[in-house]
Structure formats: structure tokens, C-alpha cells
């Protein structure tokens, strides 16, 4: 076999060698720092702003008409039974009662499968094998409780215990896990368990919150979500529903109950916010960066009843001491995940809306790859208090 020699230019060799050198490592921050104002998404009714307006003597109706555009605040039929998810994707759940004289009853369809009564403390432990509820050969059970002066059932899941007084509870196997729901009257029972603001706040603000919560719940009554076997969740994905705990808050529970009942017209109607004759999805949040924003600004979908209005109370340190101004740090891991990139070397606010909230923000990785996402999406994923923020790295 004949061997051939080949002449390689030194310049070409050097260039070739440099081409195969690894790229110089680019440092990226371990954390990102931000300053900002407000808490929450900023769409609809500002709770701090509503409190200030109530303190100034405004009625619940006036408050709601300030924050929502072209709406009416009127009685509406609200006799529906609402199904609230109080336990999502669980492996197990326990039910108990220490209320004197209260009994627990489990049913599968029309058949009673277990009854526990006449004990000082009653406890039921429920778990699933992924297909059915263990020990009952069914994928759906209904729990009811009765007897005693104030029949209450405690529900413990994932280390958290909550108490429920009204309606009934269902336990259903969905996609291999347990979905636990509380079905009760939207008219008043559900609203008695809403815990979004302190019951020590002004009466008009409590009424405005109740009316907004009723309107939001009514807007969700169209269908049962298969993922949770519910109309809505009991947490901030929808509204913070805590069952009997809100009504049982010593003297404050009575004040909240009275505020809820003042929004009830009769046994079949309650006051709600209507836009073109239908209850609105009445968004609310803690505080803004000085002005509210629309759904189009925050999430890209237009709703005729949301608007941007001044909200100066939110940036008043006396009225909003925790969130009139804030600073926060977020990890590299959270920021990179927010943009869906391997890492982030820099972030840049691309645009803000007329309310001052970030509408679009860009993140760039060490490889020079950039991704642009909505400001509210970023604040949620990066766990920032609000979309009114400024990067200070």
C-alpha cells in the first residue's frame, strides 16, 4: 500500500485547532433580584383599594362599579349546588368528628356501606389502590354527617386538617388518585367558607368581597371539570375556601356571617355582578402597583368588564405596609424553568402596559438563546409577588 504525505499550512492548523476548542464558559447568576409593588395578578378588584374606599364611606356597589366596567350589581338566582375540590390527587384521606352526637355515614350509590356513631371520636381512613377505594370495591363514595348541635367533619389530607359543616363530601378515584369534593349551597353555605380578606375589615368591603365571590362561583357553574371532579378548587387557583374555619373565627366569624347574609335577598336569590345580564368571572387580588390591569394586559384574553383604573391605596405604605414596595430574590433554577431554558444569563423587560405592569419579558441563556413570555406568567413561575417588578441584577 502506497503512503502519501500531505502538507498542512500552519495557519490552517491553528485555525482548525481553535475551531475545536470548547467555548469559553459563561457565568450566569445564581439568583436574580427584583424590586416591585403590589401582590397578585392585578386584574379586577384590588382588595387593599376596596378597603380604602369602604373606609372612605363608599358602598359595596360603588366599590364594585369602580373596579369593573359597565356592570350592574343586582339580585340573581343562586340556588345551585356547587362542587368544590378540597383534596386533589391524593393517595389517602381521613375523616373524623369530635362533635358530640355526630355520626358519619358512607354510601356507595344508594347503599349505605358504613356507619359510625355513638363514639367520642369517629375516624374513617380512605385510600386507593389506583383503581378503586380500598375495602369498598367502588370508585366513588359519599360521606354524610348528622346529629349534634353543630355537626362538623374534619378532613385530613397531606398533613393538613380542615373542618366542614355543610353539604356532603364525595371521594372519587380519578386517574389513579383520590379527588375529594364538598358539595354545598352556593347561595350562602359556600360563601360562609370564603377566606379572602380579614373579617375585621369594613362592612362594605366584606360585602363587596362576598358579591365578587358569588359572581365568580356562578360563572364557574357551567360544567364539572374532569381533572378535579369539581366546579372549582378551594385554593387560589379559584377562591380560598376554608370550610367552617372562617365562620368559627370567634367574634370575627359572626361578623363575616352577617356580611354574607346581607348580600342574600331571599331563599333563592343573592346579589351578584352582571355584565350583559350574566354573572361575571369577578377577578380580585390583594394589591397593585398603583393601577389595575385588564385581562388582555395580563393574560391576552379580552373581557369587556375588566379595565385599568387608578389604585393609589395599594402603593400607600400606611395602607399596604407589606406590599406597597417590596424586594425579592429568585433562584437561577426557577428563572430558567420560567423561560423553559437550560439556564439564564440575563433578563430584560420588553414592554409594560399603561398600568406599569410588565407585559412581556425576555430571558437569554448562556448559549445566546432567548425566550419571551408574559410578565404575569413570569411572576407566577418565578414566585414574585406581582407583575409590577423591575430586575435589579
Protein backbone atom coordinates (compact mmCIF):
# COMPACT_ATOMS: atom_id res chain seq x y z
CA UNK A 1 0.00 0.00 0.00
CA UNK A 2 1.45 3.34 -1.03
CA UNK A 3 1.68 6.04 1.66
CA UNK A 4 1.12 9.70 0.78
CA UNK A 5 2.30 12.73 2.74
CA UNK A 6 0.23 15.87 2.83
CA UNK A 7 1.45 19.41 3.60
CA UNK A 8 -0.72 21.34 6.09
CA UNK A 9 -0.32 25.08 6.36
CA UNK A 10 0.50 26.23 9.95
CA UNK A 11 -2.21 28.90 9.68
CA UNK A 12 -4.82 26.35 8.69
CA UNK A 13 -3.72 24.09 11.52
CA UNK A 14 -4.05 26.86 14.06
CA UNK A 15 -7.49 27.80 12.80
CA UNK A 16 -8.61 24.19 12.85
CA UNK A 17 -7.29 23.73 16.36
CA UNK A 18 -9.08 26.85 17.56
CA UNK A 19 -12.32 25.71 15.94
CA UNK A 20 -12.36 22.56 18.11
CA UNK A 21 -11.57 24.34 21.38
CA UNK A 22 -14.52 24.29 23.79
CA UNK A 23 -16.41 27.58 24.05
CA UNK A 24 -15.34 29.75 26.95
CA UNK A 25 -17.63 29.16 29.91
CA UNK A 26 -20.09 31.99 30.54
CA UNK A 27 -21.02 32.63 34.14
CA UNK A 28 -24.70 33.01 35.00
CA UNK A 29 -26.20 34.41 38.21
CA UNK A 30 -27.16 32.04 41.00
CA UNK A 31 -30.02 34.37 41.89
CA UNK A 32 -31.90 37.26 40.33
CA UNK A 33 -33.03 40.28 42.35
CA UNK A 34 -36.15 42.37 41.83
CA UNK A 35 -37.90 45.37 43.29
CA UNK A 36 -41.61 45.95 42.88
CA UNK A 37 -45.01 46.76 44.33
CA UNK A 38 -48.35 45.02 44.84
CA UNK A 39 -49.37 41.41 45.39
CA UNK A 40 -51.32 39.30 42.91
CA UNK A 41 -52.22 39.46 39.23
CA UNK A 42 -53.74 42.95 39.35
CA UNK A 43 -56.93 42.20 37.39
CA UNK A 44 -60.34 43.28 38.71
CA UNK A 45 -60.94 44.39 42.31
CA UNK A 46 -57.99 45.44 44.43
CA UNK A 47 -58.74 44.30 47.98
CA UNK A 48 -56.49 46.95 49.56
CA UNK A 49 -58.07 49.57 47.31
CA UNK A 50 -61.59 48.34 48.12
CA UNK A 51 -60.83 48.52 51.84
CA UNK A 52 -59.66 52.13 51.48
CA UNK A 53 -62.82 53.02 49.55
CA UNK A 54 -65.01 51.37 52.18
CA UNK A 55 -63.16 53.31 54.90
CA UNK A 56 -63.95 56.47 52.92
CA UNK A 57 -67.67 55.64 53.06
CA UNK A 58 -68.29 54.00 49.65
CA UNK A 59 -70.88 51.23 49.40
CA UNK A 60 -70.17 47.72 48.13
CA UNK A 61 -71.98 48.56 44.89
CA UNK A 62 -69.91 51.72 44.35
CA UNK A 63 -66.69 49.81 45.00
CA UNK A 64 -67.53 47.06 42.51
CA UNK A 65 -68.64 49.52 39.82
CA UNK A 66 -65.36 51.37 40.22
CA UNK A 67 -63.24 48.31 39.51
CA UNK A 68 -65.47 46.61 36.92
CA UNK A 69 -66.60 48.36 33.74
CA UNK A 70 -70.22 48.64 32.55
CA UNK A 71 -71.62 46.22 35.13
CA UNK A 72 -74.78 46.04 37.22
CA UNK A 73 -74.94 44.85 40.82
CA UNK A 74 -78.30 43.10 41.11
CA UNK A 75 -80.12 40.10 42.62
CA UNK A 76 -79.74 36.85 40.67
CA UNK A 77 -80.98 33.30 41.21
CA UNK A 78 -78.20 31.40 43.00
CA UNK A 79 -79.83 28.18 44.21
CA UNK A 80 -77.22 25.93 42.58
CA UNK A 81 -75.25 23.29 44.46
CA UNK A 82 -71.56 23.92 43.89
CA UNK A 83 -68.93 21.19 43.98
CA UNK A 84 -65.63 22.37 45.47
CA UNK A 85 -62.44 20.33 45.29
CA UNK A 86 -60.96 20.17 48.81
CA UNK A 87 -58.40 17.44 48.11
CA UNK A 88 -56.66 16.95 44.76
CA UNK A 89 -54.73 13.87 43.53
CA UNK A 90 -54.49 12.27 46.97
CA UNK A 91 -53.26 8.81 47.92
CA UNK A 92 -55.27 8.78 51.14
CA UNK A 93 -57.59 10.92 53.25
CA UNK A 94 -59.03 10.71 56.77
CA UNK A 95 -62.37 11.92 58.11
CA UNK A 96 -63.18 12.44 61.77
CA UNK A 97 -65.54 14.22 64.11
CA UNK A 98 -65.42 15.03 67.79
CA UNK A 99 -68.77 16.86 67.75
CA UNK A 100 -70.93 15.33 70.45
CA UNK A 101 -73.73 13.21 68.99
CA UNK A 102 -72.49 13.42 65.39
CA UNK A 103 -72.42 10.28 63.22
CA UNK A 104 -70.64 9.58 59.93
CA UNK A 105 -72.23 7.61 57.11
CA UNK A 106 -70.59 6.31 53.92
CA UNK A 107 -72.67 5.39 50.88
CA UNK A 108 -71.98 3.83 47.51
CA UNK A 109 -74.78 4.95 45.27
CA UNK A 110 -77.99 4.39 47.23
CA UNK A 111 -76.45 1.75 49.51
CA UNK A 112 -75.08 2.64 52.94
CA UNK A 113 -71.77 0.78 53.30
CA UNK A 114 -70.57 2.08 56.69
CA UNK A 115 -71.96 3.98 59.66
CA UNK A 116 -70.03 5.10 62.72
CA UNK A 117 -71.89 6.62 65.65
CA UNK A 118 -72.01 6.85 69.42
CA UNK A 119 -68.27 7.20 69.88
CA UNK A 120 -66.30 10.00 71.47
CA UNK A 121 -64.11 10.35 68.37
CA UNK A 122 -65.06 8.95 64.97
CA UNK A 123 -62.43 8.33 62.30
CA UNK A 124 -62.57 6.95 58.77
CA UNK A 125 -59.39 6.32 56.76
CA UNK A 126 -59.79 6.11 53.00
CA UNK A 127 -57.12 5.11 50.47
CA UNK A 128 -57.00 3.91 46.88
CA UNK A 129 -55.13 1.21 45.01
CA UNK A 130 -55.33 3.32 41.85
CA UNK A 131 -58.49 1.71 40.54
CA UNK A 132 -60.93 1.62 43.44
CA UNK A 133 -61.28 2.70 47.05
CA UNK A 134 -59.68 0.00 49.19
CA UNK A 135 -62.08 -2.13 51.15
CA UNK A 136 -65.21 -0.88 49.38
CA UNK A 137 -64.94 -2.26 45.80
CA UNK A 138 -66.08 1.03 44.30
CA UNK A 139 -64.51 4.15 42.80
CA UNK A 140 -67.00 6.58 44.38
CA UNK A 141 -68.15 7.06 47.97
CA UNK A 142 -70.35 9.73 49.53
CA UNK A 143 -69.83 10.88 53.11
CA UNK A 144 -72.61 12.50 55.12
CA UNK A 145 -72.66 13.58 58.75
CA UNK A 146 -75.54 14.41 61.06
CA UNK A 147 -76.58 14.86 64.66
CA UNK A 148 -75.32 17.08 67.43
CA UNK A 149 -75.80 20.82 67.87
CA UNK A 150 -73.12 21.75 65.30
CA UNK A 151 -72.27 18.72 63.16
CA UNK A 152 -68.79 19.21 61.71
CA UNK A 153 -66.46 16.77 59.96
CA UNK A 154 -62.67 17.16 59.93
CA UNK A 155 -60.81 16.23 56.75
CA UNK A 156 -57.08 15.46 56.95
CA UNK A 157 -55.01 15.17 53.79
CA UNK A 158 -51.30 15.66 53.15
CA UNK A 159 -50.83 16.64 56.81
CA UNK A 160 -53.45 19.41 56.67
CA UNK A 161 -56.74 19.25 58.61
CA UNK A 162 -59.79 21.35 57.71
CA UNK A 163 -63.36 21.35 59.04
CA UNK A 164 -66.59 21.32 57.07
CA UNK A 165 -70.11 21.89 58.29
CA UNK A 166 -72.39 21.98 55.25
CA UNK A 167 -73.45 19.70 52.40
CA UNK A 168 -71.77 16.36 51.78
CA UNK A 169 -68.38 15.07 50.68
CA UNK A 170 -67.56 12.74 47.79
CA UNK A 171 -64.41 10.67 47.36
CA UNK A 172 -63.75 9.56 43.79
CA UNK A 173 -60.90 7.74 42.07
CA UNK A 174 -59.77 9.81 39.08
CA UNK A 175 -56.67 8.83 37.07
CA UNK A 176 -55.42 6.59 39.87
CA UNK A 177 -55.76 9.13 42.69
CA UNK A 178 -58.46 10.39 45.04
CA UNK A 179 -60.40 13.57 44.32
CA UNK A 180 -62.28 14.84 47.37
CA UNK A 181 -65.10 17.36 46.91
CA UNK A 182 -67.53 19.22 49.14
CA UNK A 183 -70.96 19.81 47.55
CA UNK A 184 -72.99 22.56 49.22
CA UNK A 185 -75.29 25.50 48.54
CA UNK A 186 -73.63 28.31 46.60
CA UNK A 187 -76.31 30.72 47.88
CA UNK A 188 -74.80 31.05 51.35
CA UNK A 189 -73.06 27.90 52.66
CA UNK A 190 -70.17 28.13 50.18
CA UNK A 191 -69.74 31.87 50.74
CA UNK A 192 -69.60 31.43 54.52
CA UNK A 193 -66.36 29.49 53.96
CA UNK A 194 -64.62 32.02 51.68
CA UNK A 195 -61.49 33.37 53.37
CA UNK A 196 -60.04 36.05 51.11
CA UNK A 197 -59.87 39.06 53.48
CA UNK A 198 -59.87 39.72 57.20
CA UNK A 199 -63.32 39.81 58.77
CA UNK A 200 -62.17 42.88 60.73
CA UNK A 201 -62.24 44.96 57.54
CA UNK A 202 -65.06 47.49 56.86
CA UNK A 203 -68.56 46.11 56.30
CA UNK A 204 -68.87 47.47 52.74
CA UNK A 205 -65.60 45.80 51.75
CA UNK A 206 -66.74 42.44 53.20
CA UNK A 207 -69.99 42.76 51.23
CA UNK A 208 -68.08 43.63 48.05
CA UNK A 209 -65.87 40.56 48.54
CA UNK A 210 -68.92 38.35 49.09
CA UNK A 211 -70.65 39.66 45.96
CA UNK A 212 -67.48 39.23 43.89
CA UNK A 213 -67.03 35.67 45.23
CA UNK A 214 -70.67 34.77 44.47
CA UNK A 215 -70.31 36.17 40.94
CA UNK A 216 -67.08 34.25 40.34
CA UNK A 217 -68.64 30.99 41.57
CA UNK A 218 -71.76 31.46 39.44
CA UNK A 219 -69.57 31.98 36.37
CA UNK A 220 -67.97 28.57 37.00
CA UNK A 221 -71.19 26.56 37.19
CA UNK A 222 -71.29 25.51 33.53
CA UNK A 223 -69.71 22.07 33.86
CA UNK A 224 -67.77 19.69 36.13
CA UNK A 225 -64.03 19.64 35.45
CA UNK A 226 -62.95 16.05 34.93
CA UNK A 227 -59.45 16.69 36.33
CA UNK A 228 -60.77 17.61 39.79
CA UNK A 229 -64.35 16.29 39.71
CA UNK A 230 -65.37 19.85 40.62
CA UNK A 231 -66.71 23.22 39.53
CA UNK A 232 -63.76 24.94 41.17
CA UNK A 233 -60.84 24.45 43.53
CA UNK A 234 -60.75 25.53 47.17
CA UNK A 235 -57.50 27.46 46.81
CA UNK A 236 -56.11 30.44 44.88
CA UNK A 237 -56.47 28.68 41.54
CA UNK A 238 -60.06 29.85 42.06
CA UNK A 239 -61.02 31.17 45.52
CA UNK A 240 -59.76 30.42 49.01
CA UNK A 241 -62.47 28.25 50.58
CA UNK A 242 -61.65 27.04 54.11
CA UNK A 243 -64.95 25.48 55.14
CA UNK A 244 -66.10 26.03 58.72
CA UNK A 245 -62.87 27.74 59.83
CA UNK A 246 -63.95 31.17 58.57
CA UNK A 247 -67.31 31.06 60.32
CA UNK A 248 -65.71 29.76 63.52
CA UNK A 249 -63.27 32.68 63.99
CA UNK A 250 -64.51 33.77 67.41
CA UNK A 251 -66.21 37.19 67.22
CA UNK A 252 -64.96 37.71 63.65
CA UNK A 253 -66.79 34.66 62.33
CA UNK A 254 -70.09 36.25 63.31
CA UNK A 255 -69.15 39.47 61.51
CA UNK A 256 -68.28 37.57 58.32
CA UNK A 257 -71.52 35.58 58.52
CA UNK A 258 -73.54 38.79 58.87
CA UNK A 259 -71.78 40.34 55.88
CA UNK A 260 -72.57 37.29 53.73
CA UNK A 261 -76.21 37.27 54.78
CA UNK A 262 -76.59 40.97 53.95
CA UNK A 263 -75.94 40.05 50.31
CA UNK A 264 -78.74 37.47 50.39
CA UNK A 265 -82.08 38.81 49.08
CA UNK A 266 -84.28 35.79 49.82
CA UNK A 267 -84.09 32.00 49.83
CA UNK A 268 -83.38 31.78 46.11
CA UNK A 269 -81.52 34.98 45.17
CA UNK A 270 -78.35 36.80 46.11
CA UNK A 271 -76.60 39.92 44.87
CA UNK A 272 -74.08 39.44 42.04
CA UNK A 273 -72.14 41.44 39.45
CA UNK A 274 -73.72 41.20 36.00
CA UNK A 275 -72.34 42.12 32.59
CA UNK A 276 -74.88 41.94 29.78
CA UNK A 277 -77.21 40.09 32.13
CA UNK A 278 -74.78 37.33 33.19
CA UNK A 279 -72.62 36.91 36.31
CA UNK A 280 -69.03 37.85 35.61
CA UNK A 281 -65.87 35.97 36.44
CA UNK A 282 -65.14 38.60 39.07
CA UNK A 283 -61.37 38.62 39.45
CA UNK A 284 -59.82 40.10 42.57
CA UNK A 285 -56.38 40.33 44.10
CA UNK A 286 -54.58 41.84 47.08
CA UNK A 287 -52.90 44.98 45.71
CA UNK A 288 -51.48 46.53 42.54
CA UNK A 289 -48.53 48.67 41.61
CA UNK A 290 -50.71 51.79 41.52
CA UNK A 291 -53.32 50.88 38.88
CA UNK A 292 -55.26 47.76 37.98
CA UNK A 293 -54.85 45.99 34.64
CA UNK A 294 -57.17 44.25 32.18
CA UNK A 295 -57.31 40.56 31.31
CA UNK A 296 -55.91 41.47 27.89
CA UNK A 297 -52.90 43.11 29.53
CA UNK A 298 -52.30 40.27 31.98
CA UNK A 299 -53.22 37.14 30.06
CA UNK A 300 -54.04 38.14 26.49
CA UNK A 301 -57.80 37.41 26.55
CA UNK A 302 -60.24 40.31 26.28
CA UNK A 303 -63.14 40.73 28.70
CA UNK A 304 -65.45 43.71 28.36
CA UNK A 305 -65.83 44.26 32.11
CA UNK A 306 -62.17 44.49 33.19
CA UNK A 307 -60.41 47.83 32.99
CA UNK A 308 -57.37 49.72 34.22
CA UNK A 309 -58.20 52.23 36.95
CA UNK A 310 -56.05 54.14 39.46
CA UNK A 311 -55.38 52.22 42.68
CA UNK A 312 -53.26 54.57 44.78
CA UNK A 313 -54.08 52.83 48.09
CA UNK A 314 -52.02 49.83 47.02
CA UNK A 315 -48.79 51.85 46.97
CA UNK A 316 -49.50 53.71 50.21
CA UNK A 317 -47.14 52.29 52.82
CA UNK A 318 -49.62 53.12 55.60
CA UNK A 319 -52.44 51.20 53.91
CA UNK A 320 -50.37 48.38 52.45
CA UNK A 321 -47.26 48.04 54.66
CA UNK A 322 -46.18 44.65 53.30
CA UNK A 323 -46.52 45.18 49.57
CA UNK A 324 -46.59 48.92 48.80
CA UNK A 325 -42.93 48.28 47.96
CA UNK A 326 -41.02 45.04 48.06
CA UNK A 327 -37.75 43.39 47.09
CA UNK A 328 -37.37 39.73 46.20
CA UNK A 329 -34.77 37.22 45.06
CA UNK A 330 -35.45 34.26 42.79
CA UNK A 331 -33.16 31.32 42.09
CA UNK A 332 -31.49 30.59 38.77
CA UNK A 333 -33.39 27.31 38.67
CA UNK A 334 -36.82 28.98 38.93
CA UNK A 335 -35.98 31.70 36.41
CA UNK A 336 -34.60 29.21 33.88
CA UNK A 337 -37.67 27.00 34.31
CA UNK A 338 -39.93 30.04 33.86
CA UNK A 339 -38.46 30.62 30.39
CA UNK A 340 -38.09 26.93 29.57
CA UNK A 341 -34.33 27.28 29.01
CA UNK A 342 -31.33 25.39 30.40
CA UNK A 343 -30.03 28.48 32.17
CA UNK A 344 -30.44 32.26 32.10
CA UNK A 345 -27.61 34.77 31.92
CA UNK A 346 -29.75 37.90 31.58
CA UNK A 347 -33.36 39.06 31.68
CA UNK A 348 -34.87 42.15 30.10
CA UNK A 349 -38.29 43.77 30.40
CA UNK A 350 -39.55 44.07 26.82
CA UNK A 351 -42.72 46.07 27.50
CA UNK A 352 -45.07 47.39 30.17
CA UNK A 353 -48.74 48.29 29.93
CA UNK A 354 -50.38 51.58 30.86
CA UNK A 355 -50.75 50.38 34.47
CA UNK A 356 -46.99 49.89 34.72
CA UNK A 357 -47.09 46.09 34.95
CA UNK A 358 -44.66 44.01 32.88
CA UNK A 359 -46.46 42.62 29.84
CA UNK A 360 -43.52 40.85 28.16
CA UNK A 361 -40.11 39.83 29.47
CA UNK A 362 -37.14 38.22 27.72
CA UNK A 363 -34.67 35.74 29.12
CA UNK A 364 -31.39 34.83 27.39
CA UNK A 365 -29.30 31.72 28.06
CA UNK A 366 -25.52 31.28 28.00
CA UNK A 367 -25.90 29.81 24.51
CA UNK A 368 -27.49 33.04 23.31
CA UNK A 369 -30.96 31.50 23.04
CA UNK A 370 -33.77 33.90 24.01
CA UNK A 371 -37.35 33.31 25.03
CA UNK A 372 -40.09 35.92 25.56
CA UNK A 373 -43.02 35.23 27.91
CA UNK A 374 -45.82 37.25 29.51
CA UNK A 375 -44.98 39.24 32.61
CA UNK A 376 -47.73 37.67 34.70
CA UNK A 377 -46.63 34.20 33.59
CA UNK A 378 -43.11 35.04 34.70
CA UNK A 379 -44.17 36.43 38.11
CA UNK A 380 -46.20 33.28 38.76
CA UNK A 381 -43.48 30.84 37.72
CA UNK A 382 -40.67 32.79 39.39
CA UNK A 383 -42.77 33.26 42.54
CA UNK A 384 -42.66 37.05 42.53
CA UNK A 385 -45.40 38.93 44.42
CA UNK A 386 -46.77 40.76 41.36
CA UNK A 387 -46.13 41.70 37.71
CA UNK A 388 -45.13 45.20 38.86
CA UNK A 389 -41.43 44.42 39.09
CA UNK A 390 -38.03 45.63 37.90
CA UNK A 391 -34.92 43.41 37.60
CA UNK A 392 -32.05 44.93 39.61
CA UNK A 393 -29.22 42.46 38.84
